Amino acid sequence: MTQTAAQALPEALERALPLLAPEHRPADPEASAGYLDLLGGSDPPSTGTAQDLMLTDVVPVVYERWWRPGLGRVAKGLFGPGMADEHKIARQLLELGSGDGVLDLACGPGNFTREFARTVGPAGLAVGIDASPTMLARAVRDTPPPGDRNVAYVRGNAVELPFRDDAFDAVCCFAALHLFDDPFSALDHMARVLTPGGRVAIFTSCRTRSAPLRTVDGFLGARSGMRMFERGEITAALRERGFAQVSQRISGLTQFVGARLEP
């Protein structure tokens, strides 16, 4: 990495570079858009309409205020947790402290990433990764100084994470796992990049037990490209990958899952 390129990077991205695996670490990193682009002109495989919309110019504008709360309310049910509750649940599951490093998978416009950065403080680092340039542009725009000192955004594949082993103390993946082309490979990578004892927080889909409703949620999932996970599918997958203290909270067609990677 040249000195000129290093000086051009925001402080948080300079701190994030050593967290990348050597094969994904650019020799001359450039972040004129405010985020580090590891994908260039390529995109991860699309799973359907829902994921494709995240790459448009429209959704990032309405995502945080209208899109995400509206869809979440439908999926979580009338009495399910709201967005403020989701932030609280994420904080509780991740148990973040000052100086922690946290990865926000499919971070979108960075609404959770920025909050994590405030929690871990100047000594910590919050890294958001997403494949959508428009989402990341919004995230950068909504993260003014001094947030750029401990908030770094990376355009990359959230399934096959470009980070080295044992890079983060916590990993969050809210409202995205059901959109991934290979969600269980994503879980493999989450476990890989976590330090021993690291925490994971996941918010994703969950099928109902009612036979008529299972027909409906299966149909909606197939049409949108969203995967509908069975009730014990994610919790079992985490245990298979060495996670313990696995917790699950089901709300409507969604679930919140937390776990800790055993040393």
Protein backbone atom coordinates (compact mmCIF):
# COMPACT_ATOMS: atom_id res chain seq x y z
CA MET A 1 0.00 0.00 0.00
CA THR A 2 1.45 3.36 -0.99
CA GLN A 3 1.68 6.21 1.47
CA THR A 4 -0.41 8.43 -0.79
CA ALA A 5 -3.25 5.88 -0.94
CA ALA A 6 -3.13 5.32 2.81
CA GLN A 7 -3.43 9.05 3.49
CA ALA A 8 -6.49 9.26 1.23
CA LEU A 9 -8.44 6.73 3.28
CA PRO A 10 -10.76 7.69 6.14
CA GLU A 11 -9.29 6.75 9.50
CA ALA A 12 -11.79 3.94 10.10
CA LEU A 13 -10.98 2.29 6.75
CA GLU A 14 -7.28 2.42 7.57
CA ARG A 15 -8.10 0.57 10.79
CA ALA A 16 -10.27 -1.93 8.90
CA LEU A 17 -7.68 -2.86 6.25
CA PRO A 18 -5.71 -5.23 8.53
CA LEU A 19 -8.96 -7.10 9.24
CA LEU A 20 -9.19 -8.17 5.59
CA ALA A 21 -7.72 -11.52 4.60
CA PRO A 22 -4.45 -11.00 2.70
CA GLU A 23 -5.94 -12.25 -0.57
CA HIS A 24 -8.69 -9.62 -0.34
CA ARG A 25 -6.51 -6.72 0.82
CA PRO A 26 -5.96 -4.29 -2.07
CA ALA A 27 -2.40 -3.14 -2.66
CA ASP A 28 -3.54 0.42 -3.35
CA PRO A 29 -6.90 0.89 -1.61
CA GLU A 30 -9.05 3.71 -2.87
CA ALA A 31 -12.22 5.01 -1.26
CA SER A 32 -13.29 8.11 -3.18
CA ALA A 33 -16.94 7.14 -2.59
CA GLY A 34 -16.32 6.86 1.16
CA TYR A 35 -16.30 3.04 1.21
CA LEU A 36 -13.82 0.38 0.14
CA ASP A 37 -15.05 -1.41 -2.99
CA LEU A 38 -13.89 -5.04 -3.24
CA LEU A 39 -16.39 -6.02 -5.93
CA GLY A 40 -15.78 -3.51 -8.71
CA GLY A 41 -18.31 -4.08 -11.47
CA SER A 42 -19.48 -7.47 -10.20
CA ASP A 43 -22.34 -8.34 -7.85
CA PRO A 44 -23.01 -11.47 -5.76
CA PRO A 45 -25.60 -13.85 -7.27
CA SER A 46 -29.16 -12.54 -7.03
CA THR A 47 -31.74 -14.60 -5.18
CA GLY A 48 -34.74 -12.72 -6.53
CA THR A 49 -36.77 -9.53 -6.56
CA ALA A 50 -36.27 -8.64 -2.90
CA GLN A 51 -32.49 -8.62 -3.20
CA ASP A 52 -32.51 -6.87 -6.58
CA LEU A 53 -34.47 -3.96 -5.09
CA MET A 54 -31.63 -3.30 -2.66
CA LEU A 55 -29.39 -2.39 -5.59
CA THR A 56 -31.74 0.31 -6.91
CA ASP A 57 -31.58 4.06 -6.27
CA VAL A 58 -35.08 4.19 -4.79
CA VAL A 59 -34.99 1.75 -1.85
CA PRO A 60 -32.00 3.33 -0.04
CA VAL A 61 -33.88 6.64 0.10
CA VAL A 62 -36.93 5.16 1.85
CA TYR A 63 -35.32 2.14 3.52
CA GLU A 64 -34.68 3.38 7.03
CA ARG A 65 -37.86 5.40 7.52
CA TRP A 66 -40.48 3.53 5.48
CA TRP A 67 -39.32 0.35 3.71
CA ARG A 68 -37.68 -1.55 6.55
CA PRO A 69 -40.17 -0.57 9.32
CA GLY A 70 -43.15 -1.26 7.03
CA LEU A 71 -42.05 -4.70 5.88
CA GLY A 72 -40.87 -5.52 9.37
CA ARG A 73 -44.26 -4.70 10.85
CA VAL A 74 -45.99 -7.02 8.36
CA ALA A 75 -43.53 -9.85 9.00
CA LYS A 76 -43.25 -9.47 12.79
CA GLY A 77 -46.97 -9.04 13.36
CA LEU A 78 -49.01 -6.19 14.78
CA PHE A 79 -47.67 -6.63 18.30
CA GLY A 80 -44.12 -7.55 17.33
CA PRO A 81 -41.11 -5.42 18.23
CA GLY A 82 -40.64 -2.12 16.41
CA MET A 83 -37.41 -0.72 15.02
CA ALA A 84 -36.34 0.79 18.34
CA ASP A 85 -36.91 -2.62 19.92
CA GLU A 86 -34.83 -4.27 17.20
CA HIS A 87 -31.91 -2.00 18.02
CA LYS A 88 -32.28 -2.87 21.70
CA ILE A 89 -32.44 -6.61 20.93
CA ALA A 90 -29.31 -6.37 18.80
CA ARG A 91 -27.43 -4.56 21.56
CA GLN A 92 -28.51 -7.15 24.14
CA LEU A 93 -27.55 -10.13 21.96
CA LEU A 94 -24.19 -8.68 20.93
CA GLU A 95 -23.20 -7.49 24.42
CA LEU A 96 -20.98 -4.82 22.91
CA GLY A 97 -18.49 -2.98 25.08
CA SER A 98 -15.98 -0.20 24.67
CA GLY A 99 -13.17 -1.17 22.31
CA ASP A 100 -15.00 -4.06 20.63
CA GLY A 101 -14.85 -4.75 16.92
CA VAL A 102 -18.25 -5.49 15.36
CA LEU A 103 -19.24 -6.52 11.84
CA ASP A 104 -22.65 -5.58 10.42
CA LEU A 105 -23.53 -7.94 7.55
CA ALA A 106 -25.68 -6.54 4.75
CA CYS A 107 -25.56 -3.23 6.59
CA GLY A 108 -27.73 -1.36 4.09
CA PRO A 109 -27.74 2.39 4.87
CA GLY A 110 -25.77 1.80 8.07
CA ASN A 111 -28.55 2.48 10.58
CA PHE A 112 -27.39 -0.34 12.87
CA THR A 113 -23.69 0.13 12.06
CA ARG A 114 -23.68 3.72 13.32
CA GLU A 115 -25.36 2.73 16.57
CA PHE A 116 -22.83 -0.05 17.13
CA ALA A 117 -20.03 2.49 16.60
CA ARG A 118 -21.46 4.73 19.30
CA THR A 119 -21.59 1.77 21.68
CA VAL A 120 -18.00 0.55 21.11
CA GLY A 121 -16.63 4.08 21.27
CA PRO A 122 -13.50 5.61 19.71
CA ALA A 123 -11.33 2.62 20.68
CA GLY A 124 -13.71 0.20 18.96
CA LEU A 125 -14.58 -0.26 15.30
CA ALA A 126 -17.85 -0.95 13.51
CA VAL A 127 -17.55 -2.32 9.97
CA GLY A 128 -20.55 -2.51 7.67
CA ILE A 129 -20.42 -4.72 4.58
CA ASP A 130 -22.96 -4.66 1.75
CA ALA A 131 -23.05 -5.38 -1.98
CA SER A 132 -25.20 -2.39 -2.92
CA PRO A 133 -23.35 0.79 -3.99
CA THR A 134 -26.50 2.86 -3.50
CA MET A 135 -27.03 1.55 0.03
CA LEU A 136 -23.40 2.22 0.93
CA ALA A 137 -23.52 5.71 -0.58
CA ARG A 138 -26.45 6.43 1.71
CA ALA A 139 -24.59 4.91 4.68
CA VAL A 140 -21.56 7.13 4.04
CA ARG A 141 -23.75 10.21 3.61
CA ASP A 142 -25.57 9.52 6.89
CA THR A 143 -22.33 8.94 8.83
CA PRO A 144 -20.83 12.39 9.33
CA PRO A 145 -17.58 13.09 11.22
CA PRO A 146 -16.44 12.05 13.74
CA GLY A 147 -18.24 8.78 12.89
CA ASP A 148 -15.77 8.13 10.09
CA ARG A 149 -13.12 7.47 12.74
CA ASN A 150 -14.71 4.25 13.95
CA VAL A 151 -17.26 3.39 11.22
CA ALA A 152 -15.94 1.74 8.05
CA TYR A 153 -17.99 0.59 5.08
CA VAL A 154 -16.93 -2.12 2.66
CA ARG A 155 -18.59 -3.18 -0.58
CA GLY A 156 -18.15 -6.92 -0.62
CA ASN A 157 -19.77 -10.32 -0.54
CA ALA A 158 -21.61 -10.76 2.77
CA VAL A 159 -21.85 -14.53 2.21
CA GLU A 160 -18.18 -15.25 1.50
CA LEU A 161 -16.73 -12.70 3.91
CA PRO A 162 -13.40 -11.16 2.83
CA PHE A 163 -12.14 -10.81 6.42
CA ARG A 164 -9.44 -12.82 8.16
CA ASP A 165 -10.12 -15.38 10.89
CA ASP A 166 -10.80 -14.10 14.43
CA ALA A 167 -11.26 -10.52 13.20
CA PHE A 168 -14.34 -9.43 15.19
CA ASP A 169 -15.78 -9.66 18.70
CA ALA A 170 -19.36 -9.60 17.41
CA VAL A 171 -21.28 -10.11 14.16
CA CYS A 172 -24.78 -8.83 13.40
CA CYS A 173 -26.93 -9.97 10.49
CA PHE A 174 -30.39 -8.39 10.68
CA ALA A 175 -33.01 -8.79 7.94
CA ALA A 176 -30.61 -10.30 5.39
CA LEU A 177 -29.79 -13.99 5.93
CA HIS A 178 -32.99 -15.11 4.16
CA LEU A 179 -31.88 -13.14 1.05
CA PHE A 180 -28.47 -14.83 0.73
CA ASP A 181 -27.88 -17.37 -2.03
CA ASP A 182 -26.09 -19.66 0.47
CA PRO A 183 -27.10 -18.69 4.03
CA PHE A 184 -25.35 -21.65 5.66
CA SER A 185 -22.07 -20.73 4.03
CA ALA A 186 -22.64 -17.27 5.49
CA LEU A 187 -22.98 -18.85 8.94
CA ASP A 188 -19.68 -20.68 8.34
CA HIS A 189 -17.99 -17.37 7.64
CA MET A 190 -19.60 -15.66 10.62
CA ALA A 191 -18.12 -18.32 12.88
CA ARG A 192 -14.76 -18.06 11.14
CA VAL A 193 -14.35 -14.28 11.55
CA LEU A 194 -15.44 -14.28 15.22
CA THR A 195 -12.94 -14.42 18.05
CA PRO A 196 -13.43 -17.25 20.59
CA GLY A 197 -16.31 -16.20 22.81
CA GLY A 198 -17.59 -13.83 20.12
CA ARG A 199 -21.31 -13.12 19.82
CA VAL A 200 -23.67 -13.30 16.89
CA ALA A 201 -27.10 -11.68 16.47
CA ILE A 202 -29.43 -12.70 13.63
CA PHE A 203 -32.86 -11.46 12.61
CA THR A 204 -34.39 -13.49 9.81
CA SER A 205 -37.45 -15.37 8.57
CA CYS A 206 -39.24 -18.17 10.40
CA ARG A 207 -42.02 -20.41 9.11
CA THR A 208 -45.23 -20.92 11.05
CA ARG A 209 -46.57 -24.20 12.39
CA SER A 210 -50.01 -23.66 10.84
CA ALA A 211 -50.42 -25.74 7.66
CA PRO A 212 -52.55 -23.11 5.80
CA LEU A 213 -50.14 -20.32 6.74
CA ARG A 214 -47.15 -22.44 5.75
CA THR A 215 -48.62 -22.60 2.25
CA VAL A 216 -48.88 -18.80 2.20
CA ASP A 217 -45.42 -18.04 3.62
CA GLY A 218 -43.86 -20.63 1.32
CA PHE A 219 -45.53 -19.03 -1.69
CA LEU A 220 -44.49 -15.51 -0.69
CA GLY A 221 -40.94 -16.62 -0.08
CA ALA A 222 -40.67 -18.34 -3.45
CA ARG A 223 -42.07 -15.33 -5.32
CA SER A 224 -39.80 -12.80 -3.61
CA GLY A 225 -36.63 -14.88 -3.47
CA MET A 226 -36.66 -14.88 0.33
CA ARG A 227 -35.91 -18.16 2.07
CA MET A 228 -38.31 -19.18 4.84
CA PHE A 229 -36.36 -20.99 7.56
CA GLU A 230 -37.90 -23.71 9.69
CA ARG A 231 -38.16 -22.93 13.41
CA GLY A 232 -35.17 -24.95 14.51
CA GLU A 233 -33.06 -24.60 11.38
CA ILE A 234 -30.90 -21.61 12.35
CA THR A 235 -30.47 -22.53 16.01
CA ALA A 236 -29.38 -26.06 15.05
CA ALA A 237 -26.99 -24.72 12.40
CA LEU A 238 -25.34 -22.44 14.95
CA ARG A 239 -24.85 -25.27 17.43
CA GLU A 240 -23.30 -27.38 14.66
CA ARG A 241 -20.78 -24.57 14.10
CA GLY A 242 -19.63 -24.42 17.70
CA PHE A 243 -22.00 -21.84 19.12
CA ALA A 244 -23.46 -22.14 22.62
CA GLN A 245 -25.92 -20.12 24.73
CA VAL A 246 -28.22 -20.11 21.70
CA SER A 247 -31.39 -18.09 22.23
CA GLN A 248 -34.40 -17.62 19.97
CA ARG A 249 -37.35 -15.23 20.01
CA ILE A 250 -40.07 -15.79 17.41
CA SER A 251 -42.33 -12.96 16.31
CA GLY A 252 -44.82 -13.59 13.50
CA LEU A 253 -42.89 -14.83 10.48
CA THR A 254 -39.55 -13.74 11.93
CA GLN A 255 -37.04 -14.82 14.55
CA PHE A 256 -34.29 -13.17 16.59
CA VAL A 257 -31.41 -15.52 17.33
CA GLY A 258 -28.36 -14.92 19.47
CA ALA A 259 -25.41 -17.16 20.34
CA ARG A 260 -21.83 -17.15 21.61
CA LEU A 261 -18.96 -18.96 19.90
CA GLU A 262 -17.41 -21.40 22.32
CA PRO A 263 -13.67 -20.95 22.96
